[in-house]
Amino acid sequence: HKADADYWITLPLAYSETDLSYSYNNE
């Protein structure tokens, strides 16, 4: 429903908490 705003969810003001989890393997 990418073009239908009736299905969207909005956070009017949101801040980001970001953590990296980089695995260096084949799995």
PDB file of all heavy atoms in Angstrom:
ATOM      1  N   HIS A   1       0.835  -1.208   0.000  1.00  0.00           N
ATOM      2  CA  HIS A   1       0.000   0.000   0.000  1.00  0.00           C
ATOM      3  C   HIS A   1       0.870   1.259   0.000  1.00  0.00           C
ATOM      4  O   HIS A   1       0.526   2.262   0.620  1.00  0.00           O
ATOM      5  CB  HIS A   1      -0.910   0.015   1.230  1.00  0.00           C
ATOM      6  CG  HIS A   1      -1.813  -1.166   1.324  1.00  0.00           C
ATOM      7  ND1 HIS A   1      -2.912  -1.332   0.516  1.00  0.00           N
ATOM      8  CD2 HIS A   1      -1.766  -2.256   2.119  1.00  0.00           C
ATOM      9  CE1 HIS A   1      -3.507  -2.469   0.823  1.00  0.00           C
ATOM     10  NE2 HIS A   1      -2.833  -3.047   1.791  1.00  0.00           N
ATOM     11  N   LYS A   2       1.962   1.191  -0.722  1.00  0.00           N
ATOM     12  CA  LYS A   2       2.928   2.285  -0.711  1.00  0.00           C
ATOM     13  C   LYS A   2       2.345   3.615  -1.203  1.00  0.00           C
ATOM     14  O   LYS A   2       2.796   4.684  -0.799  1.00  0.00           O
ATOM     15  CB  LYS A   2       4.139   1.893  -1.572  1.00  0.00           C
ATOM     16  CG  LYS A   2       5.389   2.632  -1.238  1.00  0.00           C
ATOM     17  CD  LYS A   2       6.566   2.020  -1.971  1.00  0.00           C
ATOM     18  CE  LYS A   2       7.821   2.830  -1.738  1.00  0.00           C
ATOM     19  NZ  LYS A   2       8.951   2.309  -2.478  1.00  0.00           N
ATOM     20  N   ALA A   3       1.325   3.552  -2.017  1.00  0.00           N
ATOM     21  CA  ALA A   3       0.711   4.770  -2.560  1.00  0.00           C
ATOM     22  C   ALA A   3      -0.613   5.120  -1.877  1.00  0.00           C
ATOM     23  O   ALA A   3      -1.281   6.062  -2.282  1.00  0.00           O
ATOM     24  CB  ALA A   3       0.489   4.612  -4.066  1.00  0.00           C
ATOM     25  N   ASP A   4      -0.998   4.386  -0.838  1.00  0.00           N
ATOM     26  CA  ASP A   4      -2.286   4.609  -0.171  1.00  0.00           C
ATOM     27  C   ASP A   4      -2.058   5.036   1.270  1.00  0.00           C
ATOM     28  O   ASP A   4      -1.827   4.206   2.153  1.00  0.00           O
ATOM     29  CB  ASP A   4      -3.121   3.333  -0.231  1.00  0.00           C
ATOM     30  CG  ASP A   4      -4.537   3.537   0.275  1.00  0.00           C
ATOM     31  OD1 ASP A   4      -4.834   4.597   0.866  1.00  0.00           O
ATOM     32  OD2 ASP A   4      -5.367   2.616   0.084  1.00  0.00           O
ATOM     33  N   ALA A   5      -2.151   6.344   1.524  1.00  0.00           N
ATOM     34  CA  ALA A   5      -1.856   6.908   2.847  1.00  0.00           C
ATOM     35  C   ALA A   5      -2.767   6.372   3.948  1.00  0.00           C
ATOM     36  O   ALA A   5      -2.424   6.473   5.127  1.00  0.00           O
ATOM     37  CB  ALA A   5      -1.933   8.427   2.793  1.00  0.00           C
ATOM     38  N   ASP A   6      -3.898   5.793   3.607  1.00  0.00           N
ATOM     39  CA  ASP A   6      -4.782   5.224   4.625  1.00  0.00           C
ATOM     40  C   ASP A   6      -4.113   4.075   5.375  1.00  0.00           C
ATOM     41  O   ASP A   6      -4.537   3.729   6.482  1.00  0.00           O
ATOM     42  CB  ASP A   6      -6.087   4.725   4.001  1.00  0.00           C
ATOM     43  CG  ASP A   6      -7.004   5.870   3.586  1.00  0.00           C
ATOM     44  OD1 ASP A   6      -6.777   7.015   4.040  1.00  0.00           O
ATOM     45  OD2 ASP A   6      -7.939   5.622   2.803  1.00  0.00           O
ATOM     46  N   TYR A   7      -3.090   3.475   4.797  1.00  0.00           N
ATOM     47  CA  TYR A   7      -2.397   2.341   5.413  1.00  0.00           C
ATOM     48  C   TYR A   7      -1.080   2.748   6.070  1.00  0.00           C
ATOM     49  O   TYR A   7      -0.403   1.917   6.653  1.00  0.00           O
ATOM     50  CB  TYR A   7      -2.125   1.251   4.368  1.00  0.00           C
ATOM     51  CG  TYR A   7      -3.375   0.538   3.938  1.00  0.00           C
ATOM     52  CD1 TYR A   7      -4.144   1.025   2.888  1.00  0.00           C
ATOM     53  CD2 TYR A   7      -3.798  -0.616   4.591  1.00  0.00           C
ATOM     54  CE1 TYR A   7      -5.301   0.373   2.489  1.00  0.00           C
ATOM     55  CE2 TYR A   7      -4.950  -1.278   4.207  1.00  0.00           C
ATOM     56  CZ  TYR A   7      -5.697  -0.770   3.150  1.00  0.00           C
ATOM     57  OH  TYR A   7      -6.842  -1.414   2.769  1.00  0.00           O
ATOM     58  N   TRP A   8      -0.712   3.997   5.973  1.00  0.00           N
ATOM     59  CA  TRP A   8       0.565   4.452   6.505  1.00  0.00           C
ATOM     60  C   TRP A   8       0.475   4.694   8.001  1.00  0.00           C
ATOM     61  O   TRP A   8      -0.595   4.918   8.560  1.00  0.00           O
ATOM     62  CB  TRP A   8       1.011   5.736   5.825  1.00  0.00           C
ATOM     63  CG  TRP A   8       1.218   5.626   4.347  1.00  0.00           C
ATOM     64  CD1 TRP A   8       1.164   4.492   3.584  1.00  0.00           C
ATOM     65  CD2 TRP A   8       1.495   6.688   3.447  1.00  0.00           C
ATOM     66  NE1 TRP A   8       1.398   4.801   2.265  1.00  0.00           N
ATOM     67  CE2 TRP A   8       1.603   6.143   2.159  1.00  0.00           C
ATOM     68  CE3 TRP A   8       1.650   8.062   3.607  1.00  0.00           C
ATOM     69  CZ2 TRP A   8       1.881   6.920   1.035  1.00  0.00           C
ATOM     70  CZ3 TRP A   8       1.924   8.841   2.498  1.00  0.00           C
ATOM     71  CH2 TRP A   8       2.047   8.262   1.229  1.00  0.00           C
ATOM     72  N   ILE A   9       1.633   4.664   8.632  1.00  0.00           N
ATOM     73  CA  ILE A   9       1.755   4.988  10.046  1.00  0.00           C
ATOM     74  C   ILE A   9       2.798   6.093  10.167  1.00  0.00           C
ATOM     75  O   ILE A   9       3.891   5.988   9.612  1.00  0.00           O
ATOM     76  CB  ILE A   9       2.163   3.754  10.869  1.00  0.00           C
ATOM     77  CG1 ILE A   9       1.058   2.697  10.782  1.00  0.00           C
ATOM     78  CG2 ILE A   9       2.472   4.142  12.303  1.00  0.00           C
ATOM     79  CD1 ILE A   9       1.400   1.385  11.440  1.00  0.00           C
ATOM     80  N   THR A  10       2.434   7.164  10.878  1.00  0.00           N
ATOM     81  CA  THR A  10       3.315   8.320  10.981  1.00  0.00           C
ATOM     82  C   THR A  10       3.680   8.594  12.430  1.00  0.00           C
ATOM     83  O   THR A  10       2.804   8.610  13.308  1.00  0.00           O
ATOM     84  CB  THR A  10       2.634   9.571  10.388  1.00  0.00           C
ATOM     85  OG1 THR A  10       2.271   9.301   9.030  1.00  0.00           O
ATOM     86  CG2 THR A  10       3.543  10.781  10.439  1.00  0.00           C
ATOM     87  N   LEU A  11       4.944   8.816  12.674  1.00  0.00           N
ATOM     88  CA  LEU A  11       5.432   9.352  13.933  1.00  0.00           C
ATOM     89  C   LEU A  11       5.786  10.800  13.623  1.00  0.00           C
ATOM     90  O   LEU A  11       6.757  11.050  12.903  1.00  0.00           O
ATOM     91  CB  LEU A  11       6.660   8.598  14.431  1.00  0.00           C
ATOM     92  CG  LEU A  11       6.446   7.199  15.028  1.00  0.00           C
ATOM     93  CD1 LEU A  11       6.019   6.197  13.984  1.00  0.00           C
ATOM     94  CD2 LEU A  11       7.697   6.741  15.726  1.00  0.00           C
ATOM     95  N   PRO A  12       4.974  11.768  14.071  1.00  0.00           N
ATOM     96  CA  PRO A  12       5.199  13.160  13.678  1.00  0.00           C
ATOM     97  C   PRO A  12       6.579  13.693  14.059  1.00  0.00           C
ATOM     98  O   PRO A  12       7.172  14.463  13.326  1.00  0.00           O
ATOM     99  CB  PRO A  12       4.107  13.931  14.422  1.00  0.00           C
ATOM    100  CG  PRO A  12       3.088  12.922  14.794  1.00  0.00           C
ATOM    101  CD  PRO A  12       3.807  11.621  14.926  1.00  0.00           C
ATOM    102  N   LEU A  13       7.078  13.272  15.211  1.00  0.00           N
ATOM    103  CA  LEU A  13       8.420  13.642  15.650  1.00  0.00           C
ATOM    104  C   LEU A  13       9.094  12.402  16.226  1.00  0.00           C
ATOM    105  O   LEU A  13       8.653  11.862  17.235  1.00  0.00           O
ATOM    106  CB  LEU A  13       8.367  14.730  16.728  1.00  0.00           C
ATOM    107  CG  LEU A  13       8.103  16.152  16.279  1.00  0.00           C
ATOM    108  CD1 LEU A  13       7.963  17.078  17.479  1.00  0.00           C
ATOM    109  CD2 LEU A  13       9.216  16.633  15.361  1.00  0.00           C
ATOM    110  N   ALA A  14      10.155  11.975  15.586  1.00  0.00           N
ATOM    111  CA  ALA A  14      10.873  10.782  16.038  1.00  0.00           C
ATOM    112  C   ALA A  14      12.371  11.053  16.019  1.00  0.00           C
ATOM    113  O   ALA A  14      12.877  11.698  15.109  1.00  0.00           O
ATOM    114  CB  ALA A  14      10.543   9.591  15.152  1.00  0.00           C
ATOM    115  N   TYR A  15      13.032  10.562  17.019  1.00  0.00           N
ATOM    116  CA  TYR A  15      14.493  10.664  17.065  1.00  0.00           C
ATOM    117  C   TYR A  15      15.080   9.267  16.918  1.00  0.00           C
ATOM    118  O   TYR A  15      14.428   8.268  17.199  1.00  0.00           O
ATOM    119  CB  TYR A  15      14.976  11.352  18.347  1.00  0.00           C
ATOM    120  CG  TYR A  15      14.530  10.675  19.620  1.00  0.00           C
ATOM    121  CD1 TYR A  15      15.307   9.691  20.220  1.00  0.00           C
ATOM    122  CD2 TYR A  15      13.334  11.025  20.228  1.00  0.00           C
ATOM    123  CE1 TYR A  15      14.899   9.070  21.382  1.00  0.00           C
ATOM    124  CE2 TYR A  15      12.910  10.419  21.396  1.00  0.00           C
ATOM    125  CZ  TYR A  15      13.697   9.441  21.974  1.00  0.00           C
ATOM    126  OH  TYR A  15      13.291   8.828  23.119  1.00  0.00           O
ATOM    127  N   SER A  16      16.308   9.229  16.474  1.00  0.00           N
ATOM    128  CA  SER A  16      16.933   7.956  16.132  1.00  0.00           C
ATOM    129  C   SER A  16      17.894   7.483  17.216  1.00  0.00           C
ATOM    130  O   SER A  16      18.708   8.255  17.715  1.00  0.00           O
ATOM    131  CB  SER A  16      17.700   8.104  14.817  1.00  0.00           C
ATOM    132  OG  SER A  16      18.432   6.942  14.535  1.00  0.00           O
ATOM    133  N   GLU A  17      17.767   6.206  17.543  1.00  0.00           N
ATOM    134  CA  GLU A  17      18.763   5.507  18.356  1.00  0.00           C
ATOM    135  C   GLU A  17      19.333   4.427  17.451  1.00  0.00           C
ATOM    136  O   GLU A  17      18.599   3.555  16.991  1.00  0.00           O
ATOM    137  CB  GLU A  17      18.121   4.880  19.591  1.00  0.00           C
ATOM    138  CG  GLU A  17      17.552   5.889  20.555  1.00  0.00           C
ATOM    139  CD  GLU A  17      16.835   5.237  21.730  1.00  0.00           C
ATOM    140  OE1 GLU A  17      16.596   4.009  21.695  1.00  0.00           O
ATOM    141  OE2 GLU A  17      16.500   5.957  22.674  1.00  0.00           O
ATOM    142  N   THR A  18      20.605   4.501  17.157  1.00  0.00           N
ATOM    143  CA  THR A  18      21.204   3.604  16.172  1.00  0.00           C
ATOM    144  C   THR A  18      22.365   2.833  16.777  1.00  0.00           C
ATOM    145  O   THR A  18      23.217   3.409  17.455  1.00  0.00           O
ATOM    146  CB  THR A  18      21.703   4.404  14.952  1.00  0.00           C
ATOM    147  OG1 THR A  18      20.584   5.087  14.379  1.00  0.00           O
ATOM    148  CG2 THR A  18      22.326   3.505  13.916  1.00  0.00           C
ATOM    149  N   ASP A  19      22.387   1.534  16.516  1.00  0.00           N
ATOM    150  CA  ASP A  19      23.491   0.669  16.922  1.00  0.00           C
ATOM    151  C   ASP A  19      23.911  -0.176  15.732  1.00  0.00           C
ATOM    152  O   ASP A  19      23.076  -0.621  14.948  1.00  0.00           O
ATOM    153  CB  ASP A  19      23.085  -0.230  18.091  1.00  0.00           C
ATOM    154  CG  ASP A  19      22.843   0.564  19.356  1.00  0.00           C
ATOM    155  OD1 ASP A  19      23.770   1.292  19.769  1.00  0.00           O
ATOM    156  OD2 ASP A  19      21.738   0.471  19.915  1.00  0.00           O
ATOM    157  N   LEU A  20      25.192  -0.388  15.617  1.00  0.00           N
ATOM    158  CA  LEU A  20      25.723  -1.204  14.527  1.00  0.00           C
ATOM    159  C   LEU A  20      25.933  -2.627  15.017  1.00  0.00           C
ATOM    160  O   LEU A  20      26.368  -2.847  16.146  1.00  0.00           O
ATOM    161  CB  LEU A  20      27.049  -0.624  14.037  1.00  0.00           C
ATOM    162  CG  LEU A  20      27.037   0.861  13.677  1.00  0.00           C
ATOM    163  CD1 LEU A  20      28.426   1.307  13.256  1.00  0.00           C
ATOM    164  CD2 LEU A  20      26.023   1.145  12.595  1.00  0.00           C
ATOM    165  N   SER A  21      25.631  -3.589  14.166  1.00  0.00           N
ATOM    166  CA  SER A  21      25.858  -5.001  14.470  1.00  0.00           C
ATOM    167  C   SER A  21      26.378  -5.648  13.193  1.00  0.00           C
ATOM    168  O   SER A  21      25.604  -6.213  12.420  1.00  0.00           O
ATOM    169  CB  SER A  21      24.558  -5.660  14.931  1.00  0.00           C
ATOM    170  OG  SER A  21      24.763  -7.039  15.167  1.00  0.00           O
ATOM    171  N   TYR A  22      27.655  -5.517  12.977  1.00  0.00           N
ATOM    172  CA  TYR A  22      28.247  -5.992  11.732  1.00  0.00           C
ATOM    173  C   TYR A  22      28.971  -7.310  11.971  1.00  0.00           C
ATOM    174  O   TYR A  22      30.007  -7.353  12.622  1.00  0.00           O
ATOM    175  CB  TYR A  22      29.226  -4.951  11.167  1.00  0.00           C
ATOM    176  CG  TYR A  22      28.566  -3.655  10.726  1.00  0.00           C
ATOM    177  CD1 TYR A  22      29.308  -2.513  10.557  1.00  0.00           C
ATOM    178  CD2 TYR A  22      27.202  -3.586  10.465  1.00  0.00           C
ATOM    179  CE1 TYR A  22      28.723  -1.323  10.134  1.00  0.00           C
ATOM    180  CE2 TYR A  22      26.606  -2.406  10.048  1.00  0.00           C
ATOM    181  CZ  TYR A  22      27.363  -1.281   9.882  1.00  0.00           C
ATOM    182  OH  TYR A  22      26.779  -0.112   9.473  1.00  0.00           O
ATOM    183  N   SER A  23      28.401  -8.371  11.449  1.00  0.00           N
ATOM    184  CA  SER A  23      29.015  -9.693  11.530  1.00  0.00           C
ATOM    185  C   SER A  23      29.828  -9.922  10.264  1.00  0.00           C
ATOM    186  O   SER A  23      29.341  -9.694   9.159  1.00  0.00           O
ATOM    187  CB  SER A  23      27.945 -10.781  11.640  1.00  0.00           C
ATOM    188  OG  SER A  23      27.208 -10.630  12.827  1.00  0.00           O
ATOM    189  N   TYR A  24      31.025 -10.394  10.439  1.00  0.00           N
ATOM    190  CA  TYR A  24      31.897 -10.665   9.297  1.00  0.00           C
ATOM    191  C   TYR A  24      32.060 -12.180   9.187  1.00  0.00           C
ATOM    192  O   TYR A  24      33.045 -12.754   9.652  1.00  0.00           O
ATOM    193  CB  TYR A  24      33.236  -9.940   9.466  1.00  0.00           C
ATOM    194  CG  TYR A  24      33.081  -8.449   9.359  1.00  0.00           C
ATOM    195  CD1 TYR A  24      32.757  -7.674  10.473  1.00  0.00           C
ATOM    196  CD2 TYR A  24      33.204  -7.814   8.133  1.00  0.00           C
ATOM    197  CE1 TYR A  24      32.587  -6.313  10.362  1.00  0.00           C
ATOM    198  CE2 TYR A  24      33.027  -6.444   8.008  1.00  0.00           C
ATOM    199  CZ  TYR A  24      32.714  -5.703   9.133  1.00  0.00           C
ATOM    200  OH  TYR A  24      32.545  -4.349   9.020  1.00  0.00           O
ATOM    201  N   ASN A  25      31.034 -12.809   8.603  1.00  0.00           N
ATOM    202  CA  ASN A  25      31.050 -14.250   8.381  1.00  0.00           C
ATOM    203  C   ASN A  25      30.137 -14.568   7.211  1.00  0.00           C
ATOM    204  O   ASN A  25      29.540 -13.672   6.612  1.00  0.00           O
ATOM    205  CB  ASN A  25      30.633 -15.007   9.653  1.00  0.00           C
ATOM    206  CG  ASN A  25      29.248 -14.643  10.121  1.00  0.00           C
ATOM    207  OD1 ASN A  25      28.305 -14.586   9.337  1.00  0.00           O
ATOM    208  ND2 ASN A  25      29.094 -14.378  11.414  1.00  0.00           N
ATOM    209  N   ASN A  26      30.017 -15.828   6.884  1.00  0.00           N
ATOM    210  CA  ASN A  26      29.181 -16.241   5.758  1.00  0.00           C
ATOM    211  C   ASN A  26      27.728 -16.487   6.146  1.00  0.00           C
ATOM    212  O   ASN A  26      26.907 -16.820   5.296  1.00  0.00           O
ATOM    213  CB  ASN A  26      29.743 -17.516   5.129  1.00  0.00           C
ATOM    214  CG  ASN A  26      31.065 -17.266   4.438  1.00  0.00           C
ATOM    215  OD1 ASN A  26      31.304 -16.181   3.934  1.00  0.00           O
ATOM    216  ND2 ASN A  26      31.930 -18.265   4.438  1.00  0.00           N
ATOM    217  N   GLU A  27      27.389 -16.347   7.411  1.00  0.00           N
ATOM    218  CA  GLU A  27      26.060 -16.699   7.894  1.00  0.00           C
ATOM    219  C   GLU A  27      25.145 -15.509   8.134  1.00  0.00           C
ATOM    220  O   GLU A  27      23.929 -15.667   8.158  1.00  0.00           O
ATOM    221  CB  GLU A  27      26.185 -17.492   9.209  1.00  0.00           C
ATOM    222  CG  GLU A  27      27.022 -18.748   9.095  1.00  0.00           C
ATOM    223  CD  GLU A  27      26.455 -19.744   8.104  1.00  0.00           C
ATOM    224  OE1 GLU A  27      25.220 -19.923   8.062  1.00  0.00           O
ATOM    225  OE2 GLU A  27      27.247 -20.333   7.356  1.00  0.00           O
TER     226      GLU A  27
END
